Amino acid sequence: MASLGEQISPRVQLGLIVVALVAAGLLAWWLWPSGSPIGDTVSFVCVATGKTYELDRKTISSVPVENPETKKATLIPCVRRDGKLFVDSHYRGVLAGLAEVNQYVDKNTLEVKSAP
């Protein structure tokens, strides 16, 4: 008695493999999580006013970013840790460049002070 592999022609075997791969690819695409794992927006704080903004990640080309209200480049990315806002240490140099207008970010701890 011949085995199943010997009974099916090589063309049919190849066709079945292709169909199985396509089905596996479609299943993986359908089950894959949608959206960006890091989010579509970035949180920013204005070092001059203390106001926070959520900006579309796609519109950001450099830091500091222009404040939409004052039209001055005073926005730096910030993150929330333990219920407080902080500027990432990566942006310490940018913050130093904004020292004349910085009223809300502690230059040592990088913690954002609450706006009035």
PDB file of N, CA and C in Angstrom:
ATOM      1  N   MET A   1       0.843  -1.169   0.000  1.00  0.00           N
ATOM      2  CA  MET A   1       0.000   0.000   0.000  1.00  0.00           C
ATOM      3  C   MET A   1       0.893   1.238   0.000  1.00  0.00           C
ATOM      4  N   ALA A   2       0.596   2.226  -0.847  1.00  0.00           N
ATOM      5  CA  ALA A   2       1.380   3.453  -0.988  1.00  0.00           C
ATOM      6  C   ALA A   2       0.980   4.448   0.093  1.00  0.00           C
ATOM      7  N   SER A   3       1.970   5.254   0.528  1.00  0.00           N
ATOM      8  CA  SER A   3       1.683   6.277   1.543  1.00  0.00           C
ATOM      9  C   SER A   3       0.930   7.438   0.900  1.00  0.00           C
ATOM     10  N   LEU A   4       0.363   8.301   1.754  1.00  0.00           N
ATOM     11  CA  LEU A   4      -0.429   9.431   1.272  1.00  0.00           C
ATOM     12  C   LEU A   4       0.422  10.367   0.416  1.00  0.00           C
ATOM     13  N   GLY A   5       1.695  10.565   0.809  1.00  0.00           N
ATOM     14  CA  GLY A   5       2.600  11.430   0.053  1.00  0.00           C
ATOM     15  C   GLY A   5       2.855  10.897  -1.340  1.00  0.00           C
ATOM     16  N   GLU A   6       2.840   9.591  -1.502  1.00  0.00           N
ATOM     17  CA  GLU A   6       3.064   8.991  -2.818  1.00  0.00           C
ATOM     18  C   GLU A   6       1.801   9.053  -3.658  1.00  0.00           C
ATOM     19  N   GLN A   7       0.626   9.145  -3.043  1.00  0.00           N
ATOM     20  CA  GLN A   7      -0.639   9.169  -3.772  1.00  0.00           C
ATOM     21  C   GLN A   7      -0.952  10.571  -4.315  1.00  0.00           C
ATOM     22  N   ILE A   8      -0.422  11.632  -3.687  1.00  0.00           N
ATOM     23  CA  ILE A   8      -0.711  13.006  -4.115  1.00  0.00           C
ATOM     24  C   ILE A   8       0.462  13.487  -4.956  1.00  0.00           C
ATOM     25  N   SER A   9       0.128  14.078  -6.094  1.00  0.00           N
ATOM     26  CA  SER A   9       1.175  14.547  -7.005  1.00  0.00           C
ATOM     27  C   SER A   9       1.944  15.709  -6.384  1.00  0.00           C
ATOM     28  N   PRO A  10       3.182  15.927  -6.805  1.00  0.00           N
ATOM     29  CA  PRO A  10       3.998  17.033  -6.281  1.00  0.00           C
ATOM     30  C   PRO A  10       3.337  18.396  -6.481  1.00  0.00           C
ATOM     31  N   ARG A  11       2.598  18.579  -7.568  1.00  0.00           N
ATOM     32  CA  ARG A  11       1.908  19.855  -7.816  1.00  0.00           C
ATOM     33  C   ARG A  11       0.835  20.095  -6.767  1.00  0.00           C
ATOM     34  N   VAL A  12       0.090  19.089  -6.448  1.00  0.00           N
ATOM     35  CA  VAL A  12      -0.966  19.211  -5.448  1.00  0.00           C
ATOM     36  C   VAL A  12      -0.338  19.462  -4.081  1.00  0.00           C
ATOM     37  N   GLN A  13       0.758  18.765  -3.770  1.00  0.00           N
ATOM     38  CA  GLN A  13       1.446  18.982  -2.500  1.00  0.00           C
ATOM     39  C   GLN A  13       1.910  20.440  -2.381  1.00  0.00           C
ATOM     40  N   LEU A  14       2.509  20.962  -3.435  1.00  0.00           N
ATOM     41  CA  LEU A  14       2.969  22.346  -3.452  1.00  0.00           C
ATOM     42  C   LEU A  14       1.793  23.304  -3.272  1.00  0.00           C
ATOM     43  N   GLY A  15       0.682  23.013  -3.956  1.00  0.00           N
ATOM     44  CA  GLY A  15      -0.515  23.852  -3.825  1.00  0.00           C
ATOM     45  C   GLY A  15      -1.037  23.869  -2.396  1.00  0.00           C
ATOM     46  N   LEU A  16      -1.030  22.715  -1.732  1.00  0.00           N
ATOM     47  CA  LEU A  16      -1.494  22.634  -0.351  1.00  0.00           C
ATOM     48  C   LEU A  16      -0.565  23.416   0.587  1.00  0.00           C
ATOM     49  N   ILE A  17       0.728  23.346   0.330  1.00  0.00           N
ATOM     50  CA  ILE A  17       1.685  24.099   1.149  1.00  0.00           C
ATOM     51  C   ILE A  17       1.462  25.592   0.994  1.00  0.00           C
ATOM     52  N   VAL A  18       1.271  26.055  -0.253  1.00  0.00           N
ATOM     53  CA  VAL A  18       1.024  27.477  -0.509  1.00  0.00           C
ATOM     54  C   VAL A  18      -0.260  27.930   0.179  1.00  0.00           C
ATOM     55  N   VAL A  19      -1.314  27.166   0.066  1.00  0.00           N
ATOM     56  CA  VAL A  19      -2.589  27.512   0.708  1.00  0.00           C
ATOM     57  C   VAL A  19      -2.414  27.576   2.227  1.00  0.00           C
ATOM     58  N   ALA A  20      -1.685  26.627   2.803  1.00  0.00           N
ATOM     59  CA  ALA A  20      -1.458  26.621   4.253  1.00  0.00           C
ATOM     60  C   ALA A  20      -0.661  27.848   4.685  1.00  0.00           C
ATOM     61  N   LEU A  21       0.370  28.239   3.919  1.00  0.00           N
ATOM     62  CA  LEU A  21       1.157  29.423   4.257  1.00  0.00           C
ATOM     63  C   LEU A  21       0.349  30.707   4.150  1.00  0.00           C
ATOM     64  N   VAL A  22      -0.464  30.817   3.110  1.00  0.00           N
ATOM     65  CA  VAL A  22      -1.324  31.991   2.953  1.00  0.00           C
ATOM     66  C   VAL A  22      -2.324  32.068   4.106  1.00  0.00           C
ATOM     67  N   ALA A  23      -2.924  30.951   4.461  1.00  0.00           N
ATOM     68  CA  ALA A  23      -3.889  30.922   5.562  1.00  0.00           C
ATOM     69  C   ALA A  23      -3.210  31.310   6.881  1.00  0.00           C
ATOM     70  N   ALA A  24      -2.010  30.815   7.110  1.00  0.00           N
ATOM     71  CA  ALA A  24      -1.283  31.160   8.331  1.00  0.00           C
ATOM     72  C   ALA A  24      -0.947  32.650   8.358  1.00  0.00           C
ATOM     73  N   GLY A  25      -0.551  33.205   7.225  1.00  0.00           N
ATOM     74  CA  GLY A  25      -0.254  34.637   7.132  1.00  0.00           C
ATOM     75  C   GLY A  25      -1.481  35.486   7.402  1.00  0.00           C
ATOM     76  N   LEU A  26      -2.615  35.120   6.819  1.00  0.00           N
ATOM     77  CA  LEU A  26      -3.857  35.861   7.050  1.00  0.00           C
ATOM     78  C   LEU A  26      -4.294  35.775   8.508  1.00  0.00           C
ATOM     79  N   LEU A  27      -4.150  34.616   9.102  1.00  0.00           N
ATOM     80  CA  LEU A  27      -4.520  34.446  10.504  1.00  0.00           C
ATOM     81  C   LEU A  27      -3.630  35.310  11.393  1.00  0.00           C
ATOM     82  N   ALA A  28      -2.325  35.325  11.128  1.00  0.00           N
ATOM     83  CA  ALA A  28      -1.402  36.146  11.915  1.00  0.00           C
ATOM     84  C   ALA A  28      -1.744  37.628  11.757  1.00  0.00           C
ATOM     85  N   TRP A  29      -2.034  38.077  10.550  1.00  0.00           N
ATOM     86  CA  TRP A  29      -2.387  39.478  10.305  1.00  0.00           C
ATOM     87  C   TRP A  29      -3.669  39.844  11.046  1.00  0.00           C
ATOM     88  N   TRP A  30      -4.647  38.955  11.035  1.00  0.00           N
ATOM     89  CA  TRP A  30      -5.936  39.210  11.677  1.00  0.00           C
ATOM     90  C   TRP A  30      -5.793  39.262  13.194  1.00  0.00           C
ATOM     91  N   LEU A  31      -4.931  38.426  13.760  1.00  0.00           N
ATOM     92  CA  LEU A  31      -4.766  38.364  15.205  1.00  0.00           C
ATOM     93  C   LEU A  31      -3.752  39.368  15.746  1.00  0.00           C
ATOM     94  N   TRP A  32      -2.936  39.971  14.879  1.00  0.00           N
ATOM     95  CA  TRP A  32      -1.900  40.902  15.309  1.00  0.00           C
ATOM     96  C   TRP A  32      -2.531  42.128  15.952  1.00  0.00           C
ATOM     97  N   PRO A  33      -1.985  42.629  17.068  1.00  0.00           N
ATOM     98  CA  PRO A  33      -2.556  43.811  17.720  1.00  0.00           C
ATOM     99  C   PRO A  33      -2.523  45.019  16.789  1.00  0.00           C
ATOM    100  N   SER A  34      -3.588  45.774  16.797  1.00  0.00           N
ATOM    101  CA  SER A  34      -3.637  46.948  15.934  1.00  0.00           C
ATOM    102  C   SER A  34      -3.097  48.164  16.671  1.00  0.00           C
ATOM    103  N   GLY A  35      -2.697  49.162  15.921  1.00  0.00           N
ATOM    104  CA  GLY A  35      -2.194  50.398  16.503  1.00  0.00           C
ATOM    105  C   GLY A  35      -0.735  50.295  16.881  1.00  0.00           C
ATOM    106  N   SER A  36      -0.174  51.425  17.159  1.00  0.00           N
ATOM    107  CA  SER A  36       1.226  51.505  17.538  1.00  0.00           C
ATOM    108  C   SER A  36       1.387  51.149  19.012  1.00  0.00           C
ATOM    109  N   PRO A  37       2.368  50.320  19.353  1.00  0.00           N
ATOM    110  CA  PRO A  37       2.547  49.951  20.762  1.00  0.00           C
ATOM    111  C   PRO A  37       3.007  51.131  21.618  1.00  0.00           C
ATOM    112  N   ILE A  38       3.547  52.186  21.006  1.00  0.00           N
ATOM    113  CA  ILE A  38       4.003  53.326  21.781  1.00  0.00           C
ATOM    114  C   ILE A  38       3.021  54.485  21.732  1.00  0.00           C
ATOM    115  N   GLY A  39       1.912  54.324  21.046  1.00  0.00           N
ATOM    116  CA  GLY A  39       0.899  55.372  21.017  1.00  0.00           C
ATOM    117  C   GLY A  39       1.110  56.360  19.888  1.00  0.00           C
ATOM    118  N   ASP A  40       0.042  57.027  19.539  1.00  0.00           N
ATOM    119  CA  ASP A  40       0.078  57.974  18.430  1.00  0.00           C
ATOM    120  C   ASP A  40       0.395  59.395  18.877  1.00  0.00           C
ATOM    121  N   THR A  41       0.340  59.651  20.193  1.00  0.00           N
ATOM    122  CA  THR A  41       0.602  60.994  20.688  1.00  0.00           C
ATOM    123  C   THR A  41       1.754  60.985  21.689  1.00  0.00           C
ATOM    124  N   VAL A  42       2.318  62.181  21.878  1.00  0.00           N
ATOM    125  CA  VAL A  42       3.406  62.373  22.821  1.00  0.00           C
ATOM    126  C   VAL A  42       2.999  63.504  23.762  1.00  0.00           C
ATOM    127  N   SER A  43       3.277  63.332  25.056  1.00  0.00           N
ATOM    128  CA  SER A  43       2.991  64.379  26.041  1.00  0.00           C
ATOM    129  C   SER A  43       4.135  65.385  26.056  1.00  0.00           C
ATOM    130  N   PHE A  44       3.778  66.667  26.098  1.00  0.00           N
ATOM    131  CA  PHE A  44       4.752  67.747  26.152  1.00  0.00           C
ATOM    132  C   PHE A  44       4.384  68.702  27.270  1.00  0.00           C
ATOM    133  N   VAL A  45       5.381  69.373  27.811  1.00  0.00           N
ATOM    134  CA  VAL A  45       5.155  70.443  28.779  1.00  0.00           C
ATOM    135  C   VAL A  45       5.814  71.702  28.239  1.00  0.00           C
ATOM    136  N   CYS A  46       5.120  72.835  28.420  1.00  0.00           N
ATOM    137  CA  CYS A  46       5.704  74.121  28.062  1.00  0.00           C
ATOM    138  C   CYS A  46       6.522  74.585  29.263  1.00  0.00           C
ATOM    139  N   VAL A  47       7.825  74.786  29.077  1.00  0.00           N
ATOM    140  CA  VAL A  47       8.683  75.172  30.192  1.00  0.00           C
ATOM    141  C   VAL A  47       8.404  76.597  30.650  1.00  0.00           C
ATOM    142  N   ALA A  48       7.746  77.394  29.816  1.00  0.00           N
ATOM    143  CA  ALA A  48       7.448  78.784  30.161  1.00  0.00           C
ATOM    144  C   ALA A  48       6.102  78.944  30.863  1.00  0.00           C
ATOM    145  N   THR A  49       5.116  78.107  30.512  1.00  0.00           N
ATOM    146  CA  THR A  49       3.770  78.267  31.078  1.00  0.00           C
ATOM    147  C   THR A  49       3.358  77.114  31.986  1.00  0.00           C
ATOM    148  N   GLY A  50       4.026  75.982  31.889  1.00  0.00           N
ATOM    149  CA  GLY A  50       3.669  74.805  32.678  1.00  0.00           C
ATOM    150  C   GLY A  50       2.504  74.021  32.115  1.00  0.00           C
ATOM    151  N   LYS A  51       1.917  74.492  31.042  1.00  0.00           N
ATOM    152  CA  LYS A  51       0.770  73.823  30.429  1.00  0.00           C
ATOM    153  C   LYS A  51       1.243  72.580  29.670  1.00  0.00           C
ATOM    154  N   THR A  52       0.436  71.508  29.719  1.00  0.00           N
ATOM    155  CA  THR A  52       0.787  70.276  29.017  1.00  0.00           C
ATOM    156  C   THR A  52      -0.043  70.130  27.748  1.00  0.00           C
ATOM    157  N   TYR A  53       0.512  69.426  26.795  1.00  0.00           N
ATOM    158  CA  TYR A  53      -0.118  69.211  25.495  1.00  0.00           C
ATOM    159  C   TYR A  53       0.086  67.760  25.080  1.00  0.00           C
ATOM    160  N   GLU A  54      -0.859  67.233  24.334  1.00  0.00           N
ATOM    161  CA  GLU A  54      -0.731  65.931  23.676  1.00  0.00           C
ATOM    162  C   GLU A  54      -0.637  66.220  22.183  1.00  0.00           C
ATOM    163  N   LEU A  55       0.494  65.908  21.579  1.00  0.00           N
ATOM    164  CA  LEU A  55       0.707  66.198  20.164  1.00  0.00           C
ATOM    165  C   LEU A  55       0.853  64.907  19.371  1.00  0.00           C
ATOM    166  N   ASP A  56       0.387  64.947  18.130  1.00  0.00           N
ATOM    167  CA  ASP A  56       0.488  63.803  17.228  1.00  0.00           C
ATOM    168  C   ASP A  56       1.960  63.524  16.942  1.00  0.00           C
ATOM    169  N   ARG A  57       2.373  62.300  17.182  1.00  0.00           N
ATOM    170  CA  ARG A  57       3.763  61.884  16.989  1.00  0.00           C
ATOM    171  C   ARG A  57       4.265  62.188  15.572  1.00  0.00           C
ATOM    172  N   LYS A  58       3.397  62.093  14.594  1.00  0.00           N
ATOM    173  CA  LYS A  58       3.795  62.283  13.193  1.00  0.00           C
ATOM    174  C   LYS A  58       4.160  63.731  12.875  1.00  0.00           C
ATOM    175  N   THR A  59       3.694  64.680  13.678  1.00  0.00           N
ATOM    176  CA  THR A  59       3.944  66.092  13.382  1.00  0.00           C
ATOM    177  C   THR A  59       5.218  66.619  14.034  1.00  0.00           C
ATOM    178  N   ILE A  60       5.890  65.796  14.830  1.00  0.00           N
ATOM    179  CA  ILE A  60       7.067  66.246  15.577  1.00  0.00           C
ATOM    180  C   ILE A  60       8.325  65.939  14.773  1.00  0.00           C
ATOM    181  N   SER A  61       9.085  66.999  14.480  1.00  0.00           N
ATOM    182  CA  SER A  61      10.321  66.782  13.725  1.00  0.00           C
ATOM    183  C   SER A  61      11.558  67.109  14.541  1.00  0.00           C
ATOM    184  N   SER A  62      11.421  67.980  15.539  1.00  0.00           N
ATOM    185  CA  SER A  62      12.564  68.315  16.394  1.00  0.00           C
ATOM    186  C   SER A  62      12.053  68.842  17.732  1.00  0.00           C
ATOM    187  N   VAL A  63      12.953  68.870  18.705  1.00  0.00           N
ATOM    188  CA  VAL A  63      12.630  69.345  20.047  1.00  0.00           C
ATOM    189  C   VAL A  63      13.600  70.476  20.368  1.00  0.00           C
ATOM    190  N   PRO A  64      13.147  71.589  20.930  1.00  0.00           N
ATOM    191  CA  PRO A  64      11.815  71.839  21.449  1.00  0.00           C
ATOM    192  C   PRO A  64      10.807  72.099  20.333  1.00  0.00           C
ATOM    193  N   VAL A  65       9.543  71.828  20.652  1.00  0.00           N
ATOM    194  CA  VAL A  65       8.448  71.998  19.707  1.00  0.00           C
ATOM    195  C   VAL A  65       7.778  73.344  19.965  1.00  0.00           C
ATOM    196  N   GLU A  66       7.246  73.916  18.907  1.00  0.00           N
ATOM    197  CA  GLU A  66       6.551  75.211  19.030  1.00  0.00           C
ATOM    198  C   GLU A  66       5.253  75.052  19.811  1.00  0.00           C
ATOM    199  N   ASN A  67       5.067  75.922  20.795  1.00  0.00           N
ATOM    200  CA  ASN A  67       3.832  75.965  21.565  1.00  0.00           C
ATOM    201  C   ASN A  67       2.733  76.495  20.645  1.00  0.00           C
ATOM    202  N   PRO A  68       1.606  75.768  20.493  1.00  0.00           N
ATOM    203  CA  PRO A  68       0.551  76.218  19.576  1.00  0.00           C
ATOM    204  C   PRO A  68      -0.104  77.531  19.999  1.00  0.00           C
ATOM    205  N   GLU A  69       0.006  77.894  21.265  1.00  0.00           N
ATOM    206  CA  GLU A  69      -0.614  79.133  21.736  1.00  0.00           C
ATOM    207  C   GLU A  69       0.335  80.327  21.668  1.00  0.00           C
ATOM    208  N   THR A  70       1.578  80.139  22.114  1.00  0.00           N
ATOM    209  CA  THR A  70       2.519  81.264  22.155  1.00  0.00           C
ATOM    210  C   THR A  70       3.375  81.373  20.891  1.00  0.00           C
ATOM    211  N   LYS A  71       3.391  80.307  20.098  1.00  0.00           N
ATOM    212  CA  LYS A  71       4.201  80.231  18.873  1.00  0.00           C
ATOM    213  C   LYS A  71       5.707  80.273  19.154  1.00  0.00           C
ATOM    214  N   LYS A  72       6.096  79.974  20.399  1.00  0.00           N
ATOM    215  CA  LYS A  72       7.513  79.906  20.755  1.00  0.00           C
ATOM    216  C   LYS A  72       7.899  78.446  20.984  1.00  0.00           C
ATOM    217  N   ALA A  73       9.122  78.086  20.640  1.00  0.00           N
ATOM    218  CA  ALA A  73       9.607  76.704  20.778  1.00  0.00           C
ATOM    219  C   ALA A  73       9.982  76.446  22.230  1.00  0.00           C
ATOM    220  N   THR A  74       8.981  76.087  23.033  1.00  0.00           N
ATOM    221  CA  THR A  74       9.185  75.882  24.470  1.00  0.00           C
ATOM    222  C   THR A  74       8.620  74.553  24.971  1.00  0.00           C
ATOM    223  N   LEU A  75       8.211  73.668  24.077  1.00  0.00           N
ATOM    224  CA  LEU A  75       7.635  72.386  24.490  1.00  0.00           C
ATOM    225  C   LEU A  75       8.687  71.281  24.471  1.00  0.00           C
ATOM    226  N   ILE A  76       8.743  70.527  25.589  1.00  0.00           N
ATOM    227  CA  ILE A  76       9.663  69.405  25.732  1.00  0.00           C
ATOM    228  C   ILE A  76       8.843  68.175  26.120  1.00  0.00           C
ATOM    229  N   PRO A  77       9.180  67.000  25.573  1.00  0.00           N
ATOM    230  CA  PRO A  77       8.448  65.783  25.950  1.00  0.00           C
ATOM    231  C   PRO A  77       8.540  65.513  27.449  1.00  0.00           C
ATOM    232  N   CYS A  78       7.453  64.988  27.991  1.00  0.00           N
ATOM    233  CA  CYS A  78       7.428  64.645  29.414  1.00  0.00           C
ATOM    234  C   CYS A  78       6.719  63.311  29.607  1.00  0.00           C
ATOM    235  N   VAL A  79       6.978  62.688  30.750  1.00  0.00           N
ATOM    236  CA  VAL A  79       6.365  61.401  31.091  1.00  0.00           C
ATOM    237  C   VAL A  79       5.837  61.465  32.511  1.00  0.00           C
ATOM    238  N   ARG A  80       4.826  60.656  32.800  1.00  0.00           N
ATOM    239  CA  ARG A  80       4.248  60.595  34.141  1.00  0.00           C
ATOM    240  C   ARG A  80       4.827  59.389  34.865  1.00  0.00           C
ATOM    241  N   ARG A  81       5.414  59.663  36.052  1.00  0.00           N
ATOM    242  CA  ARG A  81       5.949  58.612  36.917  1.00  0.00           C
ATOM    243  C   ARG A  81       5.489  58.881  38.337  1.00  0.00           C
ATOM    244  N   ASP A  82       4.923  57.882  38.951  1.00  0.00           N
ATOM    245  CA  ASP A  82       4.475  58.005  40.340  1.00  0.00           C
ATOM    246  C   ASP A  82       3.563  59.213  40.541  1.00  0.00           C
ATOM    247  N   GLY A  83       2.717  59.483  39.558  1.00  0.00           N
ATOM    248  CA  GLY A  83       1.762  60.583  39.664  1.00  0.00           C
ATOM    249  C   GLY A  83       2.342  61.962  39.400  1.00  0.00           C
ATOM    250  N   LYS A  84       3.616  62.048  39.028  1.00  0.00           N
ATOM    251  CA  LYS A  84       4.253  63.335  38.757  1.00  0.00           C
ATOM    252  C   LYS A  84       4.767  63.362  37.326  1.00  0.00           C
ATOM    253  N   LEU A  85       4.892  64.562  36.779  1.00  0.00           N
ATOM    254  CA  LEU A  85       5.444  64.718  35.436  1.00  0.00           C
ATOM    255  C   LEU A  85       6.939  64.988  35.515  1.00  0.00           C
ATOM    256  N   PHE A  86       7.682  64.373  34.596  1.00  0.00           N
ATOM    257  CA  PHE A  86       9.120  64.575  34.507  1.00  0.00           C
ATOM    258  C   PHE A  86       9.519  64.717  33.043  1.00  0.00           C
ATOM    259  N   VAL A  87      10.559  65.498  32.807  1.00  0.00           N
ATOM    260  CA  VAL A  87      11.199  65.562  31.502  1.00  0.00           C
ATOM    261  C   VAL A  87      12.265  64.467  31.511  1.00  0.00           C
ATOM    262  N   ASP A  88      12.372  63.706  30.441  1.00  0.00           N
ATOM    263  CA  ASP A  88      13.380  62.653  30.353  1.00  0.00           C
ATOM    264  C   ASP A  88      14.772  63.277  30.341  1.00  0.00           C
ATOM    265  N   SER A  89      15.729  62.607  30.979  1.00  0.00           N
ATOM    266  CA  SER A  89      17.092  63.135  31.063  1.00  0.00           C
ATOM    267  C   SER A  89      17.737  63.319  29.689  1.00  0.00           C
ATOM    268  N   HIS A  90      17.209  62.637  28.697  1.00  0.00           N
ATOM    269  CA  HIS A  90      17.695  62.802  27.317  1.00  0.00           C
ATOM    270  C   HIS A  90      17.573  64.262  26.866  1.00  0.00           C
ATOM    271  N   TYR A  91      16.594  64.980  27.420  1.00  0.00           N
ATOM    272  CA  TYR A  91      16.326  66.362  27.004  1.00  0.00           C
ATOM    273  C   TYR A  91      16.926  67.394  27.950  1.00  0.00           C
ATOM    274  N   ARG A  92      17.840  66.977  28.827  1.00  0.00           N
ATOM    275  CA  ARG A  92      18.471  67.905  29.769  1.00  0.00           C
ATOM    276  C   ARG A  92      19.185  69.040  29.024  1.00  0.00           C
ATOM    277  N   GLY A  93      19.858  68.738  27.937  1.00  0.00           N
ATOM    278  CA  GLY A  93      20.552  69.757  27.149  1.00  0.00           C
ATOM    279  C   GLY A  93      19.589  70.744  26.516  1.00  0.00           C
ATOM    280  N   VAL A  94      18.457  70.250  26.044  1.00  0.00           N
ATOM    281  CA  VAL A  94      17.434  71.133  25.463  1.00  0.00           C
ATOM    282  C   VAL A  94      16.907  72.057  26.553  1.00  0.00           C
ATOM    283  N   LEU A  95      16.660  71.504  27.729  1.00  0.00           N
ATOM    284  CA  LEU A  95      16.172  72.303  28.853  1.00  0.00           C
ATOM    285  C   LEU A  95      17.186  73.389  29.219  1.00  0.00           C
ATOM    286  N   ALA A  96      18.463  73.043  29.211  1.00  0.00           N
ATOM    287  CA  ALA A  96      19.504  74.034  29.521  1.00  0.00           C
ATOM    288  C   ALA A  96      19.475  75.183  28.513  1.00  0.00           C
ATOM    289  N   GLY A  97      19.180  74.870  27.263  1.00  0.00           N
ATOM    290  CA  GLY A  97      19.081  75.898  26.234  1.00  0.00           C
ATOM    291  C   GLY A  97      17.869  76.803  26.406  1.00  0.00           C
ATOM    292  N   LEU A  98      16.896  76.348  27.200  1.00  0.00           N
ATOM    293  CA  LEU A  98      15.683  77.138  27.459  1.00  0.00           C
ATOM    294  C   LEU A  98      15.692  77.749  28.859  1.00  0.00           C
ATOM    295  N   ALA A  99      16.873  77.835  29.476  1.00  0.00           N
ATOM    296  CA  ALA A  99      16.999  78.290  30.868  1.00  0.00           C
ATOM    297  C   ALA A  99      16.377  79.669  31.091  1.00  0.00           C
ATOM    298  N   GLU A 100      16.475  80.566  30.120  1.00  0.00           N
ATOM    299  CA  GLU A 100      15.939  81.922  30.289  1.00  0.00           C
ATOM    300  C   GLU A 100      14.421  81.956  30.410  1.00  0.00           C
ATOM    301  N   VAL A 101      13.746  80.987  29.783  1.00  0.00           N
ATOM    302  CA  VAL A 101      12.272  80.983  29.820  1.00  0.00           C
ATOM    303  C   VAL A 101      11.705  79.895  30.718  1.00  0.00           C
ATOM    304  N   ASN A 102      12.557  78.977  31.174  1.00  0.00           N
ATOM    305  CA  ASN A 102      12.087  77.863  31.994  1.00  0.00           C
ATOM    306  C   ASN A 102      11.610  78.342  33.364  1.00  0.00           C
ATOM    307  N   GLN A 103      10.335  78.124  33.628  1.00  0.00           N
ATOM    308  CA  GLN A 103       9.745  78.477  34.920  1.00  0.00           C
ATOM    309  C   GLN A 103       9.158  77.264  35.630  1.00  0.00           C
ATOM    310  N   TYR A 104       9.069  76.109  34.942  1.00  0.00           N
ATOM    311  CA  TYR A 104       8.294  74.991  35.484  1.00  0.00           C
ATOM    312  C   TYR A 104       9.012  73.652  35.573  1.00  0.00           C
ATOM    313  N   VAL A 105      10.213  73.539  35.062  1.00  0.00           N
ATOM    314  CA  VAL A 105      10.927  72.258  35.136  1.00  0.00           C
ATOM    315  C   VAL A 105      12.175  72.436  35.988  1.00  0.00           C
ATOM    316  N   ASP A 106      12.269  71.661  37.050  1.00  0.00           N
ATOM    317  CA  ASP A 106      13.432  71.711  37.921  1.00  0.00           C
ATOM    318  C   ASP A 106      14.640  71.189  37.145  1.00  0.00           C
ATOM    319  N   LYS A 107      15.679  72.009  37.031  1.00  0.00           N
ATOM    320  CA  LYS A 107      16.832  71.639  36.209  1.00  0.00           C
ATOM    321  C   LYS A 107      17.629  70.471  36.785  1.00  0.00           C
ATOM    322  N   ASN A 108      17.491  70.193  38.066  1.00  0.00           N
ATOM    323  CA  ASN A 108      18.224  69.091  38.693  1.00  0.00           C
ATOM    324  C   ASN A 108      17.437  67.782  38.661  1.00  0.00           C
ATOM    325  N   THR A 109      16.194  67.822  39.124  1.00  0.00           N
ATOM    326  CA  THR A 109      15.380  66.594  39.195  1.00  0.00           C
ATOM    327  C   THR A 109      14.591  66.345  37.921  1.00  0.00           C
ATOM    328  N   LEU A 110      14.432  67.371  37.099  1.00  0.00           N
ATOM    329  CA  LEU A 110      13.641  67.348  35.867  1.00  0.00           C
ATOM    330  C   LEU A 110      12.140  67.160  36.138  1.00  0.00           C
ATOM    331  N   GLU A 111      11.724  67.366  37.374  1.00  0.00           N
ATOM    332  CA  GLU A 111      10.301  67.282  37.705  1.00  0.00           C
ATOM    333  C   GLU A 111       9.602  68.546  37.238  1.00  0.00           C
ATOM    334  N   VAL A 112       8.398  68.369  36.700  1.00  0.00           N
ATOM    335  CA  VAL A 112       7.590  69.497  36.239  1.00  0.00           C
ATOM    336  C   VAL A 112       6.771  70.003  37.415  1.00  0.00           C
ATOM    337  N   LYS A 113       6.919  71.281  37.713  1.00  0.00           N
ATOM    338  CA  LYS A 113       6.126  71.898  38.772  1.00  0.00           C
ATOM    339  C   LYS A 113       4.711  72.134  38.252  1.00  0.00           C
ATOM    340  N   SER A 114       3.756  72.118  39.132  1.00  0.00           N
ATOM    341  CA  SER A 114       2.360  72.343  38.727  1.00  0.00           C
ATOM    342  C   SER A 114       2.176  73.783  38.262  1.00  0.00           C
ATOM    343  N   ALA A 115       1.432  73.922  37.178  1.00  0.00           N
ATOM    344  CA  ALA A 115       1.098  75.253  36.671  1.00  0.00           C
ATOM    345  C   ALA A 115       0.026  75.872  37.568  1.00  0.00           C
ATOM    346  N   PRO A 116       0.038  77.219  37.715  1.00  0.00           N
ATOM    347  CA  PRO A 116      -0.969  77.866  38.568  1.00  0.00           C
ATOM    348  C   PRO A 116      -2.375  77.711  38.023  1.00  0.00           C
TER     349      PRO A 116
END
